[in-house]
């Protein structure tokens, strides 16, 4: 049985000035979570669980989850 990774991403980013979980920083707009999930799957994790705020669920689904559909790795 492969382990499950819980990513705690419910912070508001008030000091940062926004939701850093959703800001693209990679050469193709990858988020920090894209890199975390990619590395976790390569390390042998079988399931990823995101803990987020309900307030930004829709934006999270659009920017993060939609990038993770399709063949691995996503980009």
PDB file of N, CA and C in Angstrom:
ATOM      1  N   UNK A   1       0.836  -1.181   0.000  1.00  0.00           N
ATOM      2  CA  UNK A   1       0.000   0.000   0.000  1.00  0.00           C
ATOM      3  C   UNK A   1       0.884   1.250   0.000  1.00  0.00           C
ATOM      4  N   UNK A   2       0.588   2.164  -0.924  1.00  0.00           N
ATOM      5  CA  UNK A   2       1.366   3.401  -1.018  1.00  0.00           C
ATOM      6  C   UNK A   2       0.841   4.423  -0.025  1.00  0.00           C
ATOM      7  N   UNK A   3       1.729   5.283   0.513  1.00  0.00           N
ATOM      8  CA  UNK A   3       1.291   6.296   1.487  1.00  0.00           C
ATOM      9  C   UNK A   3       0.498   7.427   0.829  1.00  0.00           C
ATOM     10  N   UNK A   4      -0.246   8.147   1.654  1.00  0.00           N
ATOM     11  CA  UNK A   4      -1.024   9.305   1.231  1.00  0.00           C
ATOM     12  C   UNK A   4      -0.324  10.573   1.703  1.00  0.00           C
ATOM     13  N   UNK A   5      -0.245  11.560   0.833  1.00  0.00           N
ATOM     14  CA  UNK A   5       0.344  12.855   1.175  1.00  0.00           C
ATOM     15  C   UNK A   5      -0.777  13.850   1.416  1.00  0.00           C
ATOM     16  N   UNK A   6      -0.766  14.527   2.566  1.00  0.00           N
ATOM     17  CA  UNK A   6      -1.699  15.602   2.864  1.00  0.00           C
ATOM     18  C   UNK A   6      -0.967  16.924   2.656  1.00  0.00           C
ATOM     19  N   UNK A   7      -1.491  17.760   1.785  1.00  0.00           N
ATOM     20  CA  UNK A   7      -0.907  19.075   1.544  1.00  0.00           C
ATOM     21  C   UNK A   7      -1.815  20.104   2.206  1.00  0.00           C
ATOM     22  N   UNK A   8      -1.273  20.777   3.219  1.00  0.00           N
ATOM     23  CA  UNK A   8      -2.030  21.789   3.947  1.00  0.00           C
ATOM     24  C   UNK A   8      -1.860  23.125   3.238  1.00  0.00           C
ATOM     25  N   UNK A   9      -2.921  23.562   2.567  1.00  0.00           N
ATOM     26  CA  UNK A   9      -2.836  24.756   1.733  1.00  0.00           C
ATOM     27  C   UNK A   9      -4.006  25.697   1.992  1.00  0.00           C
ATOM     28  N   UNK A  10      -4.356  25.877   3.250  1.00  0.00           N
ATOM     29  CA  UNK A  10      -5.519  26.698   3.590  1.00  0.00           C
ATOM     30  C   UNK A  10      -5.152  28.117   4.002  1.00  0.00           C
ATOM     31  N   UNK A  11      -3.873  28.458   3.968  1.00  0.00           N
ATOM     32  CA  UNK A  11      -3.449  29.789   4.392  1.00  0.00           C
ATOM     33  C   UNK A  11      -3.955  30.889   3.474  1.00  0.00           C
ATOM     34  N   UNK A  12      -4.185  32.046   4.045  1.00  0.00           N
ATOM     35  CA  UNK A  12      -4.703  33.181   3.284  1.00  0.00           C
ATOM     36  C   UNK A  12      -3.602  33.969   2.581  1.00  0.00           C
ATOM     37  N   UNK A  13      -2.366  33.833   2.999  1.00  0.00           N
ATOM     38  CA  UNK A  13      -1.264  34.554   2.372  1.00  0.00           C
ATOM     39  C   UNK A  13      -1.336  36.054   2.599  1.00  0.00           C
ATOM     40  N   UNK A  14      -1.796  36.478   3.779  1.00  0.00           N
ATOM     41  CA  UNK A  14      -1.972  37.910   4.036  1.00  0.00           C
ATOM     42  C   UNK A  14      -0.641  38.669   3.993  1.00  0.00           C
ATOM     43  N   UNK A  15       0.427  38.104   4.507  1.00  0.00           N
ATOM     44  CA  UNK A  15       1.736  38.783   4.450  1.00  0.00           C
ATOM     45  C   UNK A  15       2.284  38.770   3.036  1.00  0.00           C
ATOM     46  N   UNK A  16       1.986  37.722   2.297  1.00  0.00           N
ATOM     47  CA  UNK A  16       2.440  37.592   0.915  1.00  0.00           C
ATOM     48  C   UNK A  16       1.661  38.535  -0.002  1.00  0.00           C
ATOM     49  N   UNK A  17       0.388  38.750   0.337  1.00  0.00           N
ATOM     50  CA  UNK A  17      -0.447  39.633  -0.474  1.00  0.00           C
ATOM     51  C   UNK A  17      -1.387  38.896  -1.404  1.00  0.00           C
ATOM     52  N   UNK A  18      -1.543  37.605  -1.192  1.00  0.00           N
ATOM     53  CA  UNK A  18      -2.437  36.814  -2.040  1.00  0.00           C
ATOM     54  C   UNK A  18      -2.248  35.342  -1.768  1.00  0.00           C
ATOM     55  N   UNK A  19      -2.873  34.549  -2.585  1.00  0.00           N
ATOM     56  CA  UNK A  19      -2.800  33.096  -2.410  1.00  0.00           C
ATOM     57  C   UNK A  19      -1.573  32.547  -3.133  1.00  0.00           C
ATOM     58  N   UNK A  20      -0.495  32.427  -2.408  1.00  0.00           N
ATOM     59  CA  UNK A  20       0.747  31.960  -3.029  1.00  0.00           C
ATOM     60  C   UNK A  20       0.622  30.529  -3.527  1.00  0.00           C
ATOM     61  N   UNK A  21      -0.339  29.769  -2.965  1.00  0.00           N
ATOM     62  CA  UNK A  21      -0.554  28.395  -3.415  1.00  0.00           C
ATOM     63  C   UNK A  21      -0.976  28.362  -4.885  1.00  0.00           C
ATOM     64  N   UNK A  22      -1.586  29.445  -5.359  1.00  0.00           N
ATOM     65  CA  UNK A  22      -2.134  29.470  -6.712  1.00  0.00           C
ATOM     66  C   UNK A  22      -1.315  30.298  -7.693  1.00  0.00           C
ATOM     67  N   UNK A  23      -0.276  30.959  -7.229  1.00  0.00           N
ATOM     68  CA  UNK A  23       0.559  31.759  -8.122  1.00  0.00           C
ATOM     69  C   UNK A  23       1.525  30.868  -8.891  1.00  0.00           C
ATOM     70  N   UNK A  24       1.586  31.086 -10.176  1.00  0.00           N
ATOM     71  CA  UNK A  24       2.537  30.357 -11.000  1.00  0.00           C
ATOM     72  C   UNK A  24       3.937  30.896 -10.798  1.00  0.00           C
ATOM     73  N   UNK A  25       4.904  29.988 -10.710  1.00  0.00           N
ATOM     74  CA  UNK A  25       6.280  30.431 -10.547  1.00  0.00           C
ATOM     75  C   UNK A  25       7.241  29.673 -11.456  1.00  0.00           C
ATOM     76  N   UNK A  26       6.788  28.609 -12.053  1.00  0.00           N
ATOM     77  CA  UNK A  26       7.641  27.839 -12.948  1.00  0.00           C
ATOM     78  C   UNK A  26       7.655  28.410 -14.350  1.00  0.00           C
ATOM     79  N   UNK A  27       8.489  27.875 -15.223  1.00  0.00           N
ATOM     80  CA  UNK A  27       8.614  28.406 -16.579  1.00  0.00           C
ATOM     81  C   UNK A  27       7.324  28.301 -17.397  1.00  0.00           C
ATOM     82  N   UNK A  28       6.446  27.371 -17.043  1.00  0.00           N
ATOM     83  CA  UNK A  28       5.159  27.243 -17.737  1.00  0.00           C
ATOM     84  C   UNK A  28       3.994  27.567 -16.816  1.00  0.00           C
ATOM     85  N   UNK A  29       4.270  28.327 -15.755  1.00  0.00           N
ATOM     86  CA  UNK A  29       3.228  28.729 -14.827  1.00  0.00           C
ATOM     87  C   UNK A  29       2.907  27.709 -13.752  1.00  0.00           C
ATOM     88  N   UNK A  30       3.799  26.746 -13.523  1.00  0.00           N
ATOM     89  CA  UNK A  30       3.575  25.740 -12.484  1.00  0.00           C
ATOM     90  C   UNK A  30       3.501  26.404 -11.119  1.00  0.00           C
ATOM     91  N   UNK A  31       2.649  25.832 -10.257  1.00  0.00           N
ATOM     92  CA  UNK A  31       2.528  26.329  -8.883  1.00  0.00           C
ATOM     93  C   UNK A  31       3.459  25.536  -7.979  1.00  0.00           C
ATOM     94  N   UNK A  32       3.602  26.020  -6.749  1.00  0.00           N
ATOM     95  CA  UNK A  32       4.385  25.289  -5.756  1.00  0.00           C
ATOM     96  C   UNK A  32       3.802  23.892  -5.577  1.00  0.00           C
ATOM     97  N   UNK A  33       2.472  23.808  -5.577  1.00  0.00           N
ATOM     98  CA  UNK A  33       1.828  22.496  -5.387  1.00  0.00           C
ATOM     99  C   UNK A  33       2.063  21.558  -6.557  1.00  0.00           C
ATOM    100  N   UNK A  34       2.165  22.093  -7.770  1.00  0.00           N
ATOM    101  CA  UNK A  34       2.499  21.238  -8.910  1.00  0.00           C
ATOM    102  C   UNK A  34       3.823  20.519  -8.662  1.00  0.00           C
ATOM    103  N   UNK A  35       4.809  21.265  -8.197  1.00  0.00           N
ATOM    104  CA  UNK A  35       6.118  20.679  -7.917  1.00  0.00           C
ATOM    105  C   UNK A  35       6.045  19.683  -6.753  1.00  0.00           C
ATOM    106  N   UNK A  36       5.275  20.016  -5.725  1.00  0.00           N
ATOM    107  CA  UNK A  36       5.134  19.123  -4.567  1.00  0.00           C
ATOM    108  C   UNK A  36       4.505  17.797  -4.959  1.00  0.00           C
ATOM    109  N   UNK A  37       3.444  17.864  -5.736  1.00  0.00           N
ATOM    110  CA  UNK A  37       2.758  16.641  -6.167  1.00  0.00           C
ATOM    111  C   UNK A  37       3.648  15.819  -7.090  1.00  0.00           C
ATOM    112  N   UNK A  38       4.300  16.464  -8.005  1.00  0.00           N
ATOM    113  CA  UNK A  38       5.210  15.777  -8.920  1.00  0.00           C
ATOM    114  C   UNK A  38       6.279  15.003  -8.142  1.00  0.00           C
ATOM    115  N   UNK A  39       6.919  15.691  -7.190  1.00  0.00           N
ATOM    116  CA  UNK A  39       7.959  15.051  -6.386  1.00  0.00           C
ATOM    117  C   UNK A  39       7.402  13.931  -5.519  1.00  0.00           C
ATOM    118  N   UNK A  40       6.216  14.136  -4.949  1.00  0.00           N
ATOM    119  CA  UNK A  40       5.598  13.110  -4.094  1.00  0.00           C
ATOM    120  C   UNK A  40       5.285  11.847  -4.879  1.00  0.00           C
ATOM    121  N   UNK A  41       4.745  12.004  -6.068  1.00  0.00           N
ATOM    122  CA  UNK A  41       4.437  10.819  -6.885  1.00  0.00           C
ATOM    123  C   UNK A  41       5.711  10.081  -7.291  1.00  0.00           C
ATOM    124  N   UNK A  42       6.750  10.821  -7.610  1.00  0.00           N
ATOM    125  CA  UNK A  42       8.031  10.186  -7.941  1.00  0.00           C
ATOM    126  C   UNK A  42       8.630   9.466  -6.741  1.00  0.00           C
ATOM    127  N   UNK A  43       8.324   9.967  -5.530  1.00  0.00           N
ATOM    128  CA  UNK A  43       8.852   9.362  -4.309  1.00  0.00           C
ATOM    129  C   UNK A  43       8.029   8.153  -3.851  1.00  0.00           C
ATOM    130  N   UNK A  44       6.889   7.894  -4.512  1.00  0.00           N
ATOM    131  CA  UNK A  44       6.127   6.702  -4.183  1.00  0.00           C
ATOM    132  C   UNK A  44       4.795   6.913  -3.499  1.00  0.00           C
ATOM    133  N   UNK A  45       4.370   8.163  -3.328  1.00  0.00           N
ATOM    134  CA  UNK A  45       3.053   8.402  -2.751  1.00  0.00           C
ATOM    135  C   UNK A  45       1.987   7.983  -3.758  1.00  0.00           C
ATOM    136  N   UNK A  46       0.900   7.408  -3.255  1.00  0.00           N
ATOM    137  CA  UNK A  46      -0.142   6.917  -4.145  1.00  0.00           C
ATOM    138  C   UNK A  46      -1.369   7.793  -4.210  1.00  0.00           C
ATOM    139  N   UNK A  47      -1.544   8.660  -3.229  1.00  0.00           N
ATOM    140  CA  UNK A  47      -2.730   9.504  -3.170  1.00  0.00           C
ATOM    141  C   UNK A  47      -2.330  10.856  -2.588  1.00  0.00           C
ATOM    142  N   UNK A  48      -2.943  11.917  -3.123  1.00  0.00           N
ATOM    143  CA  UNK A  48      -2.680  13.270  -2.655  1.00  0.00           C
ATOM    144  C   UNK A  48      -3.997  13.851  -2.142  1.00  0.00           C
ATOM    145  N   UNK A  49      -3.977  14.412  -0.940  1.00  0.00           N
ATOM    146  CA  UNK A  49      -5.153  15.054  -0.358  1.00  0.00           C
ATOM    147  C   UNK A  49      -4.797  16.511  -0.075  1.00  0.00           C
ATOM    148  N   UNK A  50      -5.588  17.434  -0.630  1.00  0.00           N
ATOM    149  CA  UNK A  50      -5.379  18.859  -0.410  1.00  0.00           C
ATOM    150  C   UNK A  50      -6.338  19.342   0.673  1.00  0.00           C
ATOM    151  N   UNK A  51      -5.812  20.068   1.643  1.00  0.00           N
ATOM    152  CA  UNK A  51      -6.636  20.706   2.676  1.00  0.00           C
ATOM    153  C   UNK A  51      -6.617  22.195   2.356  1.00  0.00           C
ATOM    154  N   UNK A  52      -7.784  22.690   1.903  1.00  0.00           N
ATOM    155  CA  UNK A  52      -7.883  24.081   1.460  1.00  0.00           C
ATOM    156  C   UNK A  52      -9.073  24.764   2.137  1.00  0.00           C
ATOM    157  N   UNK A  53      -9.158  26.059   1.951  1.00  0.00           N
ATOM    158  CA  UNK A  53     -10.306  26.831   2.442  1.00  0.00           C
ATOM    159  C   UNK A  53     -11.428  26.744   1.414  1.00  0.00           C
ATOM    160  N   UNK A  54     -12.631  26.662   1.901  1.00  0.00           N
ATOM    161  CA  UNK A  54     -13.790  26.617   1.010  1.00  0.00           C
ATOM    162  C   UNK A  54     -13.860  27.885   0.155  1.00  0.00           C
ATOM    163  N   UNK A  55     -13.372  29.004   0.688  1.00  0.00           N
ATOM    164  CA  UNK A  55     -13.428  30.298  -0.001  1.00  0.00           C
ATOM    165  C   UNK A  55     -12.756  30.280  -1.378  1.00  0.00           C
ATOM    166  N   UNK A  56     -11.708  29.521  -1.532  1.00  0.00           N
ATOM    167  CA  UNK A  56     -11.037  29.521  -2.832  1.00  0.00           C
ATOM    168  C   UNK A  56     -11.034  28.151  -3.498  1.00  0.00           C
ATOM    169  N   UNK A  57     -12.042  27.355  -3.211  1.00  0.00           N
ATOM    170  CA  UNK A  57     -12.144  26.026  -3.817  1.00  0.00           C
ATOM    171  C   UNK A  57     -12.241  26.099  -5.343  1.00  0.00           C
ATOM    172  N   UNK A  58     -13.102  26.958  -5.860  1.00  0.00           N
ATOM    173  CA  UNK A  58     -13.292  27.030  -7.310  1.00  0.00           C
ATOM    174  C   UNK A  58     -12.007  27.444  -8.020  1.00  0.00           C
ATOM    175  N   UNK A  59     -11.358  28.481  -7.510  1.00  0.00           N
ATOM    176  CA  UNK A  59     -10.100  28.929  -8.114  1.00  0.00           C
ATOM    177  C   UNK A  59      -9.038  27.851  -8.015  1.00  0.00           C
ATOM    178  N   UNK A  60      -9.003  27.134  -6.885  1.00  0.00           N
ATOM    179  CA  UNK A  60      -8.060  26.034  -6.689  1.00  0.00           C
ATOM    180  C   UNK A  60      -8.297  24.942  -7.738  1.00  0.00           C
ATOM    181  N   UNK A  61      -9.561  24.580  -7.923  1.00  0.00           N
ATOM    182  CA  UNK A  61      -9.891  23.549  -8.927  1.00  0.00           C
ATOM    183  C   UNK A  61      -9.447  23.974 -10.327  1.00  0.00           C
ATOM    184  N   UNK A  62      -9.668  25.245 -10.652  1.00  0.00           N
ATOM    185  CA  UNK A  62      -9.310  25.741 -11.981  1.00  0.00           C
ATOM    186  C   UNK A  62      -7.809  25.805 -12.211  1.00  0.00           C
ATOM    187  N   UNK A  63      -7.069  26.266 -11.206  1.00  0.00           N
ATOM    188  CA  UNK A  63      -5.635  26.498 -11.390  1.00  0.00           C
ATOM    189  C   UNK A  63      -4.759  25.306 -11.038  1.00  0.00           C
ATOM    190  N   UNK A  64      -5.179  24.479 -10.095  1.00  0.00           N
ATOM    191  CA  UNK A  64      -4.319  23.382  -9.650  1.00  0.00           C
ATOM    192  C   UNK A  64      -4.819  22.038 -10.158  1.00  0.00           C
ATOM    193  N   UNK A  65      -6.031  21.696  -9.830  1.00  0.00           N
ATOM    194  CA  UNK A  65      -6.552  20.377 -10.185  1.00  0.00           C
ATOM    195  C   UNK A  65      -6.614  20.199 -11.695  1.00  0.00           C
ATOM    196  N   UNK A  66      -7.038  21.223 -12.422  1.00  0.00           N
ATOM    197  CA  UNK A  66      -7.145  21.094 -13.878  1.00  0.00           C
ATOM    198  C   UNK A  66      -5.785  20.822 -14.521  1.00  0.00           C
ATOM    199  N   UNK A  67      -4.700  21.316 -13.921  1.00  0.00           N
ATOM    200  CA  UNK A  67      -3.354  21.059 -14.450  1.00  0.00           C
ATOM    201  C   UNK A  67      -2.916  19.616 -14.242  1.00  0.00           C
ATOM    202  N   UNK A  68      -3.536  18.927 -13.299  1.00  0.00           N
ATOM    203  CA  UNK A  68      -3.095  17.588 -12.941  1.00  0.00           C
ATOM    204  C   UNK A  68      -3.846  16.488 -13.670  1.00  0.00           C
ATOM    205  N   UNK A  69      -4.728  16.861 -14.556  1.00  0.00           N
ATOM    206  CA  UNK A  69      -5.439  15.859 -15.346  1.00  0.00           C
ATOM    207  C   UNK A  69      -4.588  15.513 -16.555  1.00  0.00           C
ATOM    208  N   UNK A  70      -4.683  14.292 -16.967  1.00  0.00           N
ATOM    209  CA  UNK A  70      -3.920  13.863 -18.121  1.00  0.00           C
ATOM    210  C   UNK A  70      -2.723  13.036 -17.705  1.00  0.00           C
ATOM    211  N   UNK A  71      -1.872  12.741 -18.661  1.00  0.00           N
ATOM    212  CA  UNK A  71      -0.727  11.876 -18.372  1.00  0.00           C
ATOM    213  C   UNK A  71       0.254  12.513 -17.391  1.00  0.00           C
ATOM    214  N   UNK A  72       0.912  11.687 -16.648  1.00  0.00           N
ATOM    215  CA  UNK A  72       1.912  12.118 -15.692  1.00  0.00           C
ATOM    216  C   UNK A  72       3.258  12.127 -16.393  1.00  0.00           C
ATOM    217  N   UNK A  73       4.146  13.100 -16.174  1.00  0.00           N
ATOM    218  CA  UNK A  73       3.906  14.357 -15.497  1.00  0.00           C
ATOM    219  C   UNK A  73       3.045  15.261 -16.364  1.00  0.00           C
ATOM    220  N   UNK A  74       2.430  16.237 -15.741  1.00  0.00           N
ATOM    221  CA  UNK A  74       1.388  17.018 -16.398  1.00  0.00           C
ATOM    222  C   UNK A  74       1.903  17.911 -17.479  1.00  0.00           C
ATOM    223  N   UNK A  75       3.095  18.387 -17.389  1.00  0.00           N
ATOM    224  CA  UNK A  75       3.585  19.368 -18.373  1.00  0.00           C
ATOM    225  C   UNK A  75       4.604  18.723 -19.281  1.00  0.00           C
TER     226      UNK A  75
END
